[in-house]
Amino acid sequence: MLIAHAEDDWDIPDAHSDVLFQAFLEPHLPKLDMPKNAYDIRPEEMKVMAVQRSERREVRDKLLVEETIPGFGKTASFTADGRTVTLVKTHYGGHDYLGVQEGLQDIIGKKFGLL
């Protein structure tokens, strides 16, 4: 699966693609027990949360492959359950011209074995 979005998209904020990518990644990360009321959190709950956040970060760092492409944007991908999910964020392309980006076409070709 490939999610592509331009940072300069004025119609749909590029944060939407981050949320979508995170939704695919989330089931593969250890759980995080969030308190029902942050004002009443106890010190021992904070310690548990700190351990859980650290474990999530370790698993996330092992799963994700991230690359910055100077002058173009960045990619993040992970493979789990036999499926690869890739997020491509370009600097430019707006809402309507992302698909004709030469670099994006190259990424699609490589990810799907077309090149």
C-alpha atoms as a PDB file:
ATOM      1  CA  MET A   1       0.000   0.000   0.000  1.00  0.00           C
ATOM      2  CA  LEU A   2       1.303   3.433  -0.882  1.00  0.00           C
ATOM      3  CA  ILE A   3       0.060   6.698   0.609  1.00  0.00           C
ATOM      4  CA  ALA A   4       1.351   9.811  -1.153  1.00  0.00           C
ATOM      5  CA  HIS A   5       0.715  13.405  -0.131  1.00  0.00           C
ATOM      6  CA  ALA A   6       2.221  16.800  -0.878  1.00  0.00           C
ATOM      7  CA  GLU A   7       3.019  19.111   2.006  1.00  0.00           C
ATOM      8  CA  ASP A   8       1.714  22.059  -0.025  1.00  0.00           C
ATOM      9  CA  ASP A   9      -1.741  20.526  -0.580  1.00  0.00           C
ATOM     10  CA  TRP A  10      -4.178  23.348   0.196  1.00  0.00           C
ATOM     11  CA  ASP A  11      -7.287  21.166  -0.208  1.00  0.00           C
ATOM     12  CA  ILE A  12      -6.456  18.355   2.218  1.00  0.00           C
ATOM     13  CA  PRO A  13      -3.882  18.984   4.965  1.00  0.00           C
ATOM     14  CA  ASP A  14      -0.936  16.614   4.733  1.00  0.00           C
ATOM     15  CA  ALA A  15      -1.453  15.715   8.401  1.00  0.00           C
ATOM     16  CA  HIS A  16      -4.334  13.519   7.197  1.00  0.00           C
ATOM     17  CA  SER A  17      -1.870  11.155   5.525  1.00  0.00           C
ATOM     18  CA  ASP A  18       0.174  11.001   8.746  1.00  0.00           C
ATOM     19  CA  VAL A  19      -2.942   9.956  10.676  1.00  0.00           C
ATOM     20  CA  LEU A  20      -3.788   7.313   8.070  1.00  0.00           C
ATOM     21  CA  PHE A  21      -0.240   5.898   8.095  1.00  0.00           C
ATOM     22  CA  GLN A  22      -0.277   5.840  11.901  1.00  0.00           C
ATOM     23  CA  ALA A  23      -3.590   3.949  11.829  1.00  0.00           C
ATOM     24  CA  PHE A  24      -1.914   1.194   9.782  1.00  0.00           C
ATOM     25  CA  LEU A  25       1.122   1.160  12.106  1.00  0.00           C
ATOM     26  CA  GLU A  26      -0.729   1.279  15.433  1.00  0.00           C
ATOM     27  CA  PRO A  27      -1.863  -2.389  15.601  1.00  0.00           C
ATOM     28  CA  HIS A  28       1.775  -3.491  15.328  1.00  0.00           C
ATOM     29  CA  LEU A  29       2.954  -1.479  18.336  1.00  0.00           C
ATOM     30  CA  PRO A  30       2.741  -2.465  22.005  1.00  0.00           C
ATOM     31  CA  LYS A  31      -0.228  -1.005  23.840  1.00  0.00           C
ATOM     32  CA  LEU A  32      -0.087   2.248  25.754  1.00  0.00           C
ATOM     33  CA  ASP A  33      -2.309   2.507  28.832  1.00  0.00           C
ATOM     34  CA  MET A  34      -3.527   6.088  28.961  1.00  0.00           C
ATOM     35  CA  PRO A  35      -5.065   7.379  32.201  1.00  0.00           C
ATOM     36  CA  LYS A  36      -8.734   8.277  32.145  1.00  0.00           C
ATOM     37  CA  ASN A  37      -7.978  11.566  33.868  1.00  0.00           C
ATOM     38  CA  ALA A  38      -4.520  13.078  33.346  1.00  0.00           C
ATOM     39  CA  TYR A  39      -4.978  15.329  36.406  1.00  0.00           C
ATOM     40  CA  ASP A  40      -5.288  12.358  38.732  1.00  0.00           C
ATOM     41  CA  ILE A  41      -2.408  10.274  37.415  1.00  0.00           C
ATOM     42  CA  ARG A  42      -0.342   8.586  40.083  1.00  0.00           C
ATOM     43  CA  PRO A  43       3.476   8.303  40.024  1.00  0.00           C
ATOM     44  CA  GLU A  44       3.353   4.526  39.531  1.00  0.00           C
ATOM     45  CA  GLU A  45       1.071   5.019  36.499  1.00  0.00           C
ATOM     46  CA  MET A  46       3.586   7.507  35.088  1.00  0.00           C
ATOM     47  CA  LYS A  47       6.339   4.900  35.460  1.00  0.00           C
ATOM     48  CA  VAL A  48       4.256   2.277  33.640  1.00  0.00           C
ATOM     49  CA  MET A  49       3.499   4.744  30.856  1.00  0.00           C
ATOM     50  CA  ALA A  50       7.183   5.658  30.539  1.00  0.00           C
ATOM     51  CA  VAL A  51       8.118   1.980  30.120  1.00  0.00           C
ATOM     52  CA  GLN A  52       5.320   1.441  27.599  1.00  0.00           C
ATOM     53  CA  ARG A  53       6.352   4.529  25.595  1.00  0.00           C
ATOM     54  CA  SER A  54       9.926   3.300  25.533  1.00  0.00           C
ATOM     55  CA  GLU A  55       8.830  -0.153  24.331  1.00  0.00           C
ATOM     56  CA  ARG A  56       6.632   1.416  21.628  1.00  0.00           C
ATOM     57  CA  ARG A  57       9.508   3.602  20.459  1.00  0.00           C
ATOM     58  CA  GLU A  58      11.847   0.583  20.235  1.00  0.00           C
ATOM     59  CA  VAL A  59       9.354  -1.474  18.211  1.00  0.00           C
ATOM     60  CA  ARG A  60       8.518   1.518  16.012  1.00  0.00           C
ATOM     61  CA  ASP A  61      12.215   2.171  15.340  1.00  0.00           C
ATOM     62  CA  LYS A  62      12.701  -1.491  14.347  1.00  0.00           C
ATOM     63  CA  LEU A  63       9.635  -1.544  12.074  1.00  0.00           C
ATOM     64  CA  LEU A  64      10.022   1.799  10.306  1.00  0.00           C
ATOM     65  CA  VAL A  65      12.408   2.538   7.496  1.00  0.00           C
ATOM     66  CA  GLU A  66      12.578   6.282   6.953  1.00  0.00           C
ATOM     67  CA  GLU A  67      14.415   8.212   4.275  1.00  0.00           C
ATOM     68  CA  THR A  68      14.783  11.906   3.553  1.00  0.00           C
ATOM     69  CA  ILE A  69      15.211  12.750  -0.117  1.00  0.00           C
ATOM     70  CA  PRO A  70      16.814  16.206  -0.407  1.00  0.00           C
ATOM     71  CA  GLY A  71      14.740  18.664  -2.419  1.00  0.00           C
ATOM     72  CA  PHE A  72      11.903  16.160  -2.774  1.00  0.00           C
ATOM     73  CA  GLY A  73      10.502  15.004   0.567  1.00  0.00           C
ATOM     74  CA  LYS A  74      10.621  11.891   2.707  1.00  0.00           C
ATOM     75  CA  THR A  75       9.397   8.321   2.893  1.00  0.00           C
ATOM     76  CA  ALA A  76       8.457   6.046   5.754  1.00  0.00           C
ATOM     77  CA  SER A  77       7.522   2.402   5.388  1.00  0.00           C
ATOM     78  CA  PHE A  78       7.070  -0.751   7.383  1.00  0.00           C
ATOM     79  CA  THR A  79       6.306  -4.365   6.633  1.00  0.00           C
ATOM     80  CA  ALA A  80       4.091  -6.424   8.909  1.00  0.00           C
ATOM     81  CA  ASP A  81       1.745  -9.353   8.388  1.00  0.00           C
ATOM     82  CA  GLY A  82       3.093  -9.795   4.862  1.00  0.00           C
ATOM     83  CA  ARG A  83       2.096  -6.279   3.797  1.00  0.00           C
ATOM     84  CA  THR A  84       4.238  -3.203   3.221  1.00  0.00           C
ATOM     85  CA  VAL A  85       2.775   0.232   3.890  1.00  0.00           C
ATOM     86  CA  THR A  86       4.673   3.246   2.561  1.00  0.00           C
ATOM     87  CA  LEU A  87       4.045   6.944   3.143  1.00  0.00           C
ATOM     88  CA  VAL A  88       5.590   9.395   0.683  1.00  0.00           C
ATOM     89  CA  LYS A  89       5.476  13.073   1.625  1.00  0.00           C
ATOM     90  CA  THR A  90       6.653  15.436  -1.105  1.00  0.00           C
ATOM     91  CA  HIS A  91       7.406  19.115  -0.583  1.00  0.00           C
ATOM     92  CA  TYR A  92       5.476  20.122  -3.688  1.00  0.00           C
ATOM     93  CA  GLY A  93       2.727  18.812  -5.909  1.00  0.00           C
ATOM     94  CA  GLY A  94      -0.299  20.405  -4.365  1.00  0.00           C
ATOM     95  CA  HIS A  95      -3.538  18.504  -4.570  1.00  0.00           C
ATOM     96  CA  ASP A  96      -3.738  17.919  -8.296  1.00  0.00           C
ATOM     97  CA  TYR A  97      -0.146  17.485  -9.510  1.00  0.00           C
ATOM     98  CA  LEU A  98       1.326  15.037  -7.031  1.00  0.00           C
ATOM     99  CA  GLY A  99       0.873  12.079  -9.379  1.00  0.00           C
ATOM    100  CA  VAL A 100       3.019  13.609 -12.104  1.00  0.00           C
ATOM    101  CA  GLN A 101       6.008  14.140  -9.824  1.00  0.00           C
ATOM    102  CA  GLU A 102       8.918  12.327 -11.456  1.00  0.00           C
ATOM    103  CA  GLY A 103      10.346  11.258  -8.101  1.00  0.00           C
ATOM    104  CA  LEU A 104       7.013   9.860  -6.978  1.00  0.00           C
ATOM    105  CA  GLN A 105       6.691   7.859 -10.166  1.00  0.00           C
ATOM    106  CA  ASP A 106      10.146   6.402  -9.503  1.00  0.00           C
ATOM    107  CA  ILE A 107       9.164   5.424  -5.958  1.00  0.00           C
ATOM    108  CA  ILE A 108       5.965   3.768  -7.207  1.00  0.00           C
ATOM    109  CA  GLY A 109       7.927   1.894  -9.858  1.00  0.00           C
ATOM    110  CA  LYS A 110      10.456   0.589  -7.339  1.00  0.00           C
ATOM    111  CA  LYS A 111       7.901  -0.309  -4.640  1.00  0.00           C
ATOM    112  CA  PHE A 112       5.684  -2.239  -7.019  1.00  0.00           C
ATOM    113  CA  GLY A 113       8.418  -3.815  -9.155  1.00  0.00           C
ATOM    114  CA  LEU A 114       7.658  -1.788 -12.271  1.00  0.00           C
ATOM    115  CA  LEU A 115      11.238  -0.571 -12.782  1.00  0.00           C
END
